[in-house]
Amino acid sequence: MDEETFNLSIRKFLKVVGVSSQREIEQAIAQALADGTIAGTGRFPVTMTLELPAAKLKAKFDGEIQLE
């Protein structure tokens, strides 16, 4: 295994996930605000699941999105 290639591919994947996830969250919150589903204040629980079936990895990460 080439450690440098491995680490670079992980970073590339995480960058895509980070940017794409932020965009999805922003769009979902904007739509929920427009629909009146949520108010412009509050805290919302959020969960991210990372799966790598070949390595039998399934990791869950919990957090919170705050609007104020």
Protein backbone atom coordinates (compact mmCIF):
# COMPACT_ATOMS: atom_id res chain seq x y z
CA MET A 1 0.00 0.00 0.00
CA ASP A 2 1.25 3.47 -0.86
CA GLU A 3 0.61 5.62 2.23
CA GLU A 4 0.80 8.90 0.32
CA THR A 5 -1.73 7.79 -2.30
CA PHE A 6 -3.96 6.40 0.43
CA ASN A 7 -3.87 9.61 2.50
CA LEU A 8 -4.42 11.83 -0.54
CA SER A 9 -7.44 9.79 -1.63
CA ILE A 10 -8.93 10.02 1.87
CA ARG A 11 -8.44 13.80 1.92
CA LYS A 12 -9.97 14.13 -1.55
CA PHE A 13 -13.01 12.09 -0.49
CA LEU A 14 -13.45 14.07 2.73
CA LYS A 15 -13.23 17.36 0.85
CA VAL A 16 -16.00 16.25 -1.53
CA VAL A 17 -18.10 15.05 1.41
CA GLY A 18 -17.56 18.28 3.35
CA VAL A 19 -18.40 20.62 0.49
CA SER A 20 -21.36 18.54 -0.74
CA SER A 21 -22.75 18.03 2.75
CA GLN A 22 -22.59 21.73 3.53
CA ARG A 23 -24.42 22.55 0.29
CA GLU A 24 -27.14 19.97 1.01
CA ILE A 25 -27.64 21.22 4.57
CA GLU A 26 -27.81 24.85 3.45
CA GLN A 27 -30.38 24.03 0.76
CA ALA A 28 -32.49 21.91 3.13
CA ILE A 29 -32.50 24.60 5.82
CA ALA A 30 -33.33 27.33 3.28
CA GLN A 31 -36.24 25.27 1.97
CA ALA A 32 -37.51 24.47 5.47
CA LEU A 33 -37.35 28.17 6.37
CA ALA A 34 -39.19 29.12 3.18
CA ASP A 35 -41.86 26.46 3.82
CA GLY A 36 -42.26 27.55 7.42
CA THR A 37 -41.31 24.06 8.58
CA ILE A 38 -38.71 25.54 10.91
CA ALA A 39 -38.16 28.97 12.42
CA GLY A 40 -35.03 31.02 11.91
CA THR A 41 -33.76 30.06 15.33
CA GLY A 42 -33.01 26.81 17.00
CA ARG A 43 -30.73 23.85 17.13
CA PHE A 44 -31.22 20.70 15.12
CA PRO A 45 -29.62 17.32 15.70
CA VAL A 46 -27.72 15.93 12.73
CA THR A 47 -26.24 12.52 12.01
CA MET A 48 -23.65 11.43 9.46
CA THR A 49 -22.95 7.80 8.66
CA LEU A 50 -19.71 6.71 7.03
CA GLU A 51 -19.65 3.30 5.42
CA LEU A 52 -16.76 1.42 3.85
CA PRO A 53 -18.20 -2.04 3.20
CA ALA A 54 -14.93 -3.56 1.95
CA ALA A 55 -13.35 -2.88 5.35
CA LYS A 56 -16.56 -3.58 7.29
CA LEU A 57 -16.60 0.01 8.55
CA LYS A 58 -19.80 1.70 9.60
CA ALA A 59 -19.30 4.76 11.81
CA LYS A 60 -22.00 7.16 12.99
CA PHE A 61 -21.24 10.78 13.90
CA ASP A 62 -23.73 12.93 15.78
CA GLY A 63 -23.76 16.70 16.01
CA GLU A 64 -25.92 19.75 16.00
CA ILE A 65 -26.75 22.49 13.49
CA GLN A 66 -27.39 25.89 15.09
CA LEU A 67 -29.18 28.73 13.33
CA GLU A 68 -28.35 31.36 15.96
